[in-house]
Amino acid sequence: MGRPRVLLADDHTLIVDAFRKLLEPEFKVVGAVSDGYALLEQAVKLKPDVVILDLNMPLLNGLDAGRELKRLLPQTKLIVLTVSEDFEIAAEALRNWASGYLLKRSAGPELAKAISSVLKGKSYVTPKVAQHLLDEFIRDPRPHHTRMLTPRQREVLQLLAEGRTMKEVGVVLHVATRTVAFHKYRIMEQFNLKSNADLVRFAIKEHVIGTQ
């Protein structure tokens, strides 16, 4: 049996080159892509054993690409490699399509271990994020606890309800615009909100903003 085949997806060339060199003694890197649409195209063509993908890719973000990739190639293992420590995004990815979640700053010593784990049918979550997920579960283990707004959701909701754009919210919270969009549409989905006006009314109802 040959080395496990890995496809890399990240729009930062230096990061891709670094991880290619890190992995190639043990794994076969079959390709590298820089946006979400290219990832879907090449993954279907190459059928790798593992895909390592960034969340903040251009054209099609990693969350949406990962979800579609799991539908197209259900046997391929998907590992998120990101700078985002947002445990809500980690939970969303791990719940729906990802087998692993790593932070870029700690990926060097963890990446090979993560690939080996997911190929054995296990999950791998970088320790800092794993602890946060565990803490959140201990606070509220109910399967439907997401019906309550999380602290991050309340921050995003308040700023949006105050009339700020998603880009402006990202600047205030020091996160990517895509991260703000994730939280906005997650709130709208969870609470059946159809428009920005619904979002404002919901913010008032939840006492996130006042009526004045």
C-alpha atoms as a PDB file:
ATOM      1  CA  MET A   1       0.000   0.000   0.000  1.00  0.00           C
ATOM      2  CA  GLY A   2       1.381   3.416  -0.983  1.00  0.00           C
ATOM      3  CA  ARG A   3       1.635   6.543   1.081  1.00  0.00           C
ATOM      4  CA  PRO A   4      -1.693   8.264   1.916  1.00  0.00           C
ATOM      5  CA  ARG A   5      -2.568  10.892  -0.687  1.00  0.00           C
ATOM      6  CA  VAL A   6      -3.071  14.470   0.541  1.00  0.00           C
ATOM      7  CA  LEU A   7      -4.483  17.546  -1.220  1.00  0.00           C
ATOM      8  CA  LEU A   8      -3.657  21.003   0.215  1.00  0.00           C
ATOM      9  CA  ALA A   9      -6.008  23.993  -0.077  1.00  0.00           C
ATOM     10  CA  ASP A  10      -4.730  27.395   1.043  1.00  0.00           C
ATOM     11  CA  ASP A  11      -4.258  30.712  -0.765  1.00  0.00           C
ATOM     12  CA  HIS A  12      -0.933  31.437   0.953  1.00  0.00           C
ATOM     13  CA  THR A  13       1.855  29.982  -1.182  1.00  0.00           C
ATOM     14  CA  LEU A  14       4.471  30.025   1.566  1.00  0.00           C
ATOM     15  CA  ILE A  15       2.196  28.043   3.896  1.00  0.00           C
ATOM     16  CA  VAL A  16       1.462  25.482   1.196  1.00  0.00           C
ATOM     17  CA  ASP A  17       5.170  25.071   0.443  1.00  0.00           C
ATOM     18  CA  ALA A  18       6.007  24.682   4.129  1.00  0.00           C
ATOM     19  CA  PHE A  19       3.389  22.003   4.719  1.00  0.00           C
ATOM     20  CA  ARG A  20       4.283  20.191   1.510  1.00  0.00           C
ATOM     21  CA  LYS A  21       7.875  19.846   2.756  1.00  0.00           C
ATOM     22  CA  LEU A  22       6.666  18.831   6.196  1.00  0.00           C
ATOM     23  CA  LEU A  23       4.371  16.098   4.904  1.00  0.00           C
ATOM     24  CA  GLU A  24       6.160  14.600   1.927  1.00  0.00           C
ATOM     25  CA  PRO A  25       8.484  12.237   3.812  1.00  0.00           C
ATOM     26  CA  GLU A  26       5.413  10.380   5.144  1.00  0.00           C
ATOM     27  CA  PHE A  27       2.557  11.304   2.769  1.00  0.00           C
ATOM     28  CA  LYS A  28       2.130  11.887  -0.963  1.00  0.00           C
ATOM     29  CA  VAL A  29       1.002  15.472  -1.640  1.00  0.00           C
ATOM     30  CA  VAL A  30      -0.983  15.094  -4.870  1.00  0.00           C
ATOM     31  CA  GLY A  31      -1.709  18.787  -5.396  1.00  0.00           C
ATOM     32  CA  ALA A  32      -2.318  22.255  -3.980  1.00  0.00           C
ATOM     33  CA  VAL A  33      -5.112  24.733  -4.760  1.00  0.00           C
ATOM     34  CA  SER A  34      -5.739  28.320  -3.696  1.00  0.00           C
ATOM     35  CA  ASP A  35      -9.530  28.761  -3.749  1.00  0.00           C
ATOM     36  CA  GLY A  36     -12.660  26.827  -2.863  1.00  0.00           C
ATOM     37  CA  TYR A  37     -13.869  26.164  -6.400  1.00  0.00           C
ATOM     38  CA  ALA A  38     -10.470  24.848  -7.476  1.00  0.00           C
ATOM     39  CA  LEU A  39     -10.545  22.618  -4.397  1.00  0.00           C
ATOM     40  CA  LEU A  40     -13.834  21.010  -5.430  1.00  0.00           C
ATOM     41  CA  GLU A  41     -12.642  20.501  -8.987  1.00  0.00           C
ATOM     42  CA  GLN A  42      -9.269  19.003  -8.096  1.00  0.00           C
ATOM     43  CA  ALA A  43     -10.565  16.886  -5.222  1.00  0.00           C
ATOM     44  CA  VAL A  44     -13.121  15.191  -7.459  1.00  0.00           C
ATOM     45  CA  LYS A  45     -10.426  14.634 -10.080  1.00  0.00           C
ATOM     46  CA  LEU A  46      -7.660  13.425  -7.743  1.00  0.00           C
ATOM     47  CA  LYS A  47      -9.758  11.676  -5.068  1.00  0.00           C
ATOM     48  CA  PRO A  48      -7.221  12.144  -2.246  1.00  0.00           C
ATOM     49  CA  ASP A  49      -7.392  10.261   1.041  1.00  0.00           C
ATOM     50  CA  VAL A  50      -7.160  13.527   2.996  1.00  0.00           C
ATOM     51  CA  VAL A  51      -7.854  17.179   2.192  1.00  0.00           C
ATOM     52  CA  ILE A  52      -6.291  19.891   4.358  1.00  0.00           C
ATOM     53  CA  LEU A  53      -8.141  23.152   3.866  1.00  0.00           C
ATOM     54  CA  ASP A  54      -8.094  26.709   5.128  1.00  0.00           C
ATOM     55  CA  LEU A  55     -11.424  28.345   6.036  1.00  0.00           C
ATOM     56  CA  ASN A  56     -10.623  31.777   4.598  1.00  0.00           C
ATOM     57  CA  MET A  57     -10.151  30.955   0.941  1.00  0.00           C
ATOM     58  CA  PRO A  58     -11.252  33.249  -1.907  1.00  0.00           C
ATOM     59  CA  LEU A  59     -14.212  32.641  -4.259  1.00  0.00           C
ATOM     60  CA  LEU A  60     -15.681  29.892  -2.084  1.00  0.00           C
ATOM     61  CA  ASN A  61     -14.864  29.799   1.621  1.00  0.00           C
ATOM     62  CA  GLY A  62     -13.670  26.681   3.396  1.00  0.00           C
ATOM     63  CA  LEU A  63     -16.871  26.093   5.370  1.00  0.00           C
ATOM     64  CA  ASP A  64     -19.000  25.880   2.245  1.00  0.00           C
ATOM     65  CA  ALA A  65     -16.342  24.039   0.249  1.00  0.00           C
ATOM     66  CA  GLY A  66     -15.911  21.491   3.032  1.00  0.00           C
ATOM     67  CA  ARG A  67     -19.643  20.848   3.244  1.00  0.00           C
ATOM     68  CA  GLU A  68     -19.885  20.298  -0.517  1.00  0.00           C
ATOM     69  CA  LEU A  69     -16.742  18.190  -0.583  1.00  0.00           C
ATOM     70  CA  LYS A  70     -18.117  15.825   2.041  1.00  0.00           C
ATOM     71  CA  ARG A  71     -21.200  15.358  -0.132  1.00  0.00           C
ATOM     72  CA  LEU A  72     -19.140  14.698  -3.268  1.00  0.00           C
ATOM     73  CA  LEU A  73     -16.442  12.532  -1.647  1.00  0.00           C
ATOM     74  CA  PRO A  74     -17.868  11.068   1.574  1.00  0.00           C
ATOM     75  CA  GLN A  75     -14.878   8.752   2.090  1.00  0.00           C
ATOM     76  CA  THR A  76     -12.279  11.529   1.923  1.00  0.00           C
ATOM     77  CA  LYS A  77     -11.176  12.849   5.319  1.00  0.00           C
ATOM     78  CA  LEU A  78     -11.247  16.635   5.705  1.00  0.00           C
ATOM     79  CA  ILE A  79      -8.964  18.537   8.096  1.00  0.00           C
ATOM     80  CA  VAL A  80      -9.397  22.258   8.749  1.00  0.00           C
ATOM     81  CA  LEU A  81      -6.166  24.223   9.071  1.00  0.00           C
ATOM     82  CA  THR A  82      -6.919  27.786  10.142  1.00  0.00           C
ATOM     83  CA  VAL A  83      -5.967  30.789  12.255  1.00  0.00           C
ATOM     84  CA  SER A  84      -9.496  30.930  13.711  1.00  0.00           C
ATOM     85  CA  GLU A  85      -9.866  29.888  17.344  1.00  0.00           C
ATOM     86  CA  ASP A  86     -13.635  30.494  17.194  1.00  0.00           C
ATOM     87  CA  PHE A  87     -14.996  27.343  18.823  1.00  0.00           C
ATOM     88  CA  GLU A  88     -18.452  27.873  17.281  1.00  0.00           C
ATOM     89  CA  ILE A  89     -16.994  27.614  13.787  1.00  0.00           C
ATOM     90  CA  ALA A  90     -14.957  24.590  14.873  1.00  0.00           C
ATOM     91  CA  ALA A  91     -18.091  22.932  16.249  1.00  0.00           C
ATOM     92  CA  GLU A  92     -20.001  23.660  13.039  1.00  0.00           C
ATOM     93  CA  ALA A  93     -17.280  22.143  10.844  1.00  0.00           C
ATOM     94  CA  LEU A  94     -16.712  19.089  13.053  1.00  0.00           C
ATOM     95  CA  ARG A  95     -20.421  18.423  13.412  1.00  0.00           C
ATOM     96  CA  ASN A  96     -21.112  18.503   9.685  1.00  0.00           C
ATOM     97  CA  TRP A  97     -18.079  17.458   7.656  1.00  0.00           C
ATOM     98  CA  ALA A  98     -14.610  17.843   9.204  1.00  0.00           C
ATOM     99  CA  SER A  99     -12.622  15.040  10.826  1.00  0.00           C
ATOM    100  CA  GLY A 100      -9.959  17.376  12.189  1.00  0.00           C
ATOM    101  CA  TYR A 101      -9.444  21.000  13.233  1.00  0.00           C
ATOM    102  CA  LEU A 102      -5.969  22.498  13.635  1.00  0.00           C
ATOM    103  CA  LEU A 103      -4.622  25.976  14.259  1.00  0.00           C
ATOM    104  CA  LYS A 104      -1.910  27.057  11.847  1.00  0.00           C
ATOM    105  CA  ARG A 105       0.415  28.213  14.594  1.00  0.00           C
ATOM    106  CA  SER A 106       0.545  24.730  16.136  1.00  0.00           C
ATOM    107  CA  ALA A 107       0.144  22.692  12.955  1.00  0.00           C
ATOM    108  CA  GLY A 108       3.835  21.870  12.520  1.00  0.00           C
ATOM    109  CA  PRO A 109       4.077  19.241  15.245  1.00  0.00           C
ATOM    110  CA  GLU A 110       0.406  18.210  14.993  1.00  0.00           C
ATOM    111  CA  LEU A 111      -0.341  17.859  11.295  1.00  0.00           C
ATOM    112  CA  ALA A 112       1.111  14.395  10.650  1.00  0.00           C
ATOM    113  CA  LYS A 113      -0.494  13.147  13.865  1.00  0.00           C
ATOM    114  CA  ALA A 114      -3.867  14.577  12.784  1.00  0.00           C
ATOM    115  CA  ILE A 115      -3.685  12.932   9.346  1.00  0.00           C
ATOM    116  CA  SER A 116      -2.799   9.569  10.861  1.00  0.00           C
ATOM    117  CA  SER A 117      -5.678   9.868  13.345  1.00  0.00           C
ATOM    118  CA  VAL A 118      -8.371  10.714  10.791  1.00  0.00           C
ATOM    119  CA  LEU A 119      -7.191   7.927   8.456  1.00  0.00           C
ATOM    120  CA  LYS A 120      -7.860   5.521  11.346  1.00  0.00           C
ATOM    121  CA  GLY A 121     -11.414   6.824  11.601  1.00  0.00           C
ATOM    122  CA  LYS A 122     -10.746   9.050  14.612  1.00  0.00           C
ATOM    123  CA  SER A 123     -11.144  12.795  15.004  1.00  0.00           C
ATOM    124  CA  TYR A 124      -8.343  15.210  15.826  1.00  0.00           C
ATOM    125  CA  VAL A 125      -8.887  18.646  17.344  1.00  0.00           C
ATOM    126  CA  THR A 126      -6.035  20.929  18.350  1.00  0.00           C
ATOM    127  CA  PRO A 127      -5.898  20.923  22.202  1.00  0.00           C
ATOM    128  CA  LYS A 128      -6.812  24.591  22.758  1.00  0.00           C
ATOM    129  CA  VAL A 129      -9.969  24.344  20.661  1.00  0.00           C
ATOM    130  CA  ALA A 130     -10.804  20.895  22.045  1.00  0.00           C
ATOM    131  CA  GLN A 131     -10.717  22.271  25.602  1.00  0.00           C
ATOM    132  CA  HIS A 132     -13.020  25.136  24.654  1.00  0.00           C
ATOM    133  CA  LEU A 133     -15.477  22.727  23.035  1.00  0.00           C
ATOM    134  CA  LEU A 134     -15.403  20.530  26.132  1.00  0.00           C
ATOM    135  CA  ASP A 135     -15.933  23.492  28.459  1.00  0.00           C
ATOM    136  CA  GLU A 136     -18.924  24.602  26.401  1.00  0.00           C
ATOM    137  CA  PHE A 137     -20.440  21.122  26.444  1.00  0.00           C
ATOM    138  CA  ILE A 138     -20.005  20.835  30.214  1.00  0.00           C
ATOM    139  CA  ARG A 139     -21.791  24.165  30.689  1.00  0.00           C
ATOM    140  CA  ASP A 140     -24.719  23.006  28.555  1.00  0.00           C
ATOM    141  CA  PRO A 141     -24.742  19.401  27.277  1.00  0.00           C
ATOM    142  CA  ARG A 142     -28.242  19.547  25.771  1.00  0.00           C
ATOM    143  CA  PRO A 143     -28.245  18.628  22.071  1.00  0.00           C
ATOM    144  CA  HIS A 144     -30.328  21.689  21.189  1.00  0.00           C
ATOM    145  CA  HIS A 145     -28.565  24.261  23.343  1.00  0.00           C
ATOM    146  CA  THR A 146     -27.660  26.245  20.222  1.00  0.00           C
ATOM    147  CA  ARG A 147     -31.136  27.766  20.360  1.00  0.00           C
ATOM    148  CA  MET A 148     -29.610  30.163  22.868  1.00  0.00           C
ATOM    149  CA  LEU A 149     -27.398  32.955  21.578  1.00  0.00           C
ATOM    150  CA  THR A 150     -23.729  32.447  22.330  1.00  0.00           C
ATOM    151  CA  PRO A 151     -21.640  35.378  23.587  1.00  0.00           C
ATOM    152  CA  ARG A 152     -20.051  35.809  20.139  1.00  0.00           C
ATOM    153  CA  GLN A 153     -23.470  35.711  18.462  1.00  0.00           C
ATOM    154  CA  ARG A 154     -24.705  38.432  20.805  1.00  0.00           C
ATOM    155  CA  GLU A 155     -21.715  40.619  19.890  1.00  0.00           C
ATOM    156  CA  VAL A 156     -22.307  40.142  16.170  1.00  0.00           C
ATOM    157  CA  LEU A 157     -26.059  40.651  16.515  1.00  0.00           C
ATOM    158  CA  GLN A 158     -25.650  43.898  18.432  1.00  0.00           C
ATOM    159  CA  LEU A 159     -23.237  45.420  15.943  1.00  0.00           C
ATOM    160  CA  LEU A 160     -25.334  44.400  12.943  1.00  0.00           C
ATOM    161  CA  ALA A 161     -28.521  45.666  14.582  1.00  0.00           C
ATOM    162  CA  GLU A 162     -26.782  48.993  15.208  1.00  0.00           C
ATOM    163  CA  GLY A 163     -26.459  49.301  11.438  1.00  0.00           C
ATOM    164  CA  ARG A 164     -22.850  48.302  10.896  1.00  0.00           C
ATOM    165  CA  THR A 165     -21.833  46.349   7.804  1.00  0.00           C
ATOM    166  CA  MET A 166     -20.338  42.883   8.140  1.00  0.00           C
ATOM    167  CA  LYS A 167     -16.950  44.302   7.203  1.00  0.00           C
ATOM    168  CA  GLU A 168     -17.230  46.947   9.943  1.00  0.00           C
ATOM    169  CA  VAL A 169     -18.271  44.289  12.458  1.00  0.00           C
ATOM    170  CA  GLY A 170     -15.208  42.268  11.495  1.00  0.00           C
ATOM    171  CA  VAL A 171     -12.953  45.257  12.162  1.00  0.00           C
ATOM    172  CA  VAL A 172     -14.508  45.850  15.595  1.00  0.00           C
ATOM    173  CA  LEU A 173     -14.265  42.171  16.613  1.00  0.00           C
ATOM    174  CA  HIS A 174     -10.893  41.566  14.897  1.00  0.00           C
ATOM    175  CA  VAL A 175     -12.242  38.694  12.797  1.00  0.00           C
ATOM    176  CA  ALA A 176     -12.631  38.072   9.064  1.00  0.00           C
ATOM    177  CA  THR A 177     -15.754  39.295   7.285  1.00  0.00           C
ATOM    178  CA  ARG A 178     -16.493  35.667   6.407  1.00  0.00           C
ATOM    179  CA  THR A 179     -16.551  34.844  10.123  1.00  0.00           C
ATOM    180  CA  VAL A 180     -19.120  37.598  10.723  1.00  0.00           C
ATOM    181  CA  ALA A 181     -21.198  36.255   7.822  1.00  0.00           C
ATOM    182  CA  PHE A 182     -21.055  32.774   9.337  1.00  0.00           C
ATOM    183  CA  HIS A 183     -22.431  34.025  12.648  1.00  0.00           C
ATOM    184  CA  LYS A 184     -25.064  36.244  11.019  1.00  0.00           C
ATOM    185  CA  TYR A 185     -26.535  33.495   8.871  1.00  0.00           C
ATOM    186  CA  ARG A 186     -26.262  30.952  11.671  1.00  0.00           C
ATOM    187  CA  ILE A 187     -28.380  33.256  13.865  1.00  0.00           C
ATOM    188  CA  MET A 188     -30.895  33.741  11.054  1.00  0.00           C
ATOM    189  CA  GLU A 189     -31.120  30.001  10.465  1.00  0.00           C
ATOM    190  CA  GLN A 190     -31.454  29.092  14.141  1.00  0.00           C
ATOM    191  CA  PHE A 191     -34.141  31.635  14.896  1.00  0.00           C
ATOM    192  CA  ASN A 192     -35.952  31.584  11.543  1.00  0.00           C
ATOM    193  CA  LEU A 193     -35.141  35.183  10.632  1.00  0.00           C
ATOM    194  CA  LYS A 194     -35.689  36.125   6.986  1.00  0.00           C
ATOM    195  CA  SER A 195     -34.377  39.684   6.684  1.00  0.00           C
ATOM    196  CA  ASN A 196     -32.222  42.356   8.279  1.00  0.00           C
ATOM    197  CA  ALA A 197     -35.395  43.909   9.691  1.00  0.00           C
ATOM    198  CA  ASP A 198     -36.151  40.592  11.416  1.00  0.00           C
ATOM    199  CA  LEU A 199     -32.608  40.646  12.773  1.00  0.00           C
ATOM    200  CA  VAL A 200     -33.118  44.106  14.319  1.00  0.00           C
ATOM    201  CA  ARG A 201     -36.479  43.110  15.851  1.00  0.00           C
ATOM    202  CA  PHE A 202     -34.872  39.970  17.253  1.00  0.00           C
ATOM    203  CA  ALA A 203     -32.018  42.016  18.753  1.00  0.00           C
ATOM    204  CA  ILE A 204     -34.583  44.215  20.538  1.00  0.00           C
ATOM    205  CA  LYS A 205     -36.491  41.150  21.758  1.00  0.00           C
ATOM    206  CA  GLU A 206     -33.288  39.633  23.130  1.00  0.00           C
ATOM    207  CA  HIS A 207     -32.378  42.949  24.841  1.00  0.00           C
ATOM    208  CA  VAL A 208     -29.189  43.148  22.793  1.00  0.00           C
ATOM    209  CA  ILE A 209     -30.121  46.693  21.769  1.00  0.00           C
ATOM    210  CA  GLY A 210     -32.736  49.138  23.058  1.00  0.00           C
ATOM    211  CA  THR A 211     -35.767  50.469  21.222  1.00  0.00           C
ATOM    212  CA  GLN A 212     -34.412  54.013  21.003  1.00  0.00           C
END
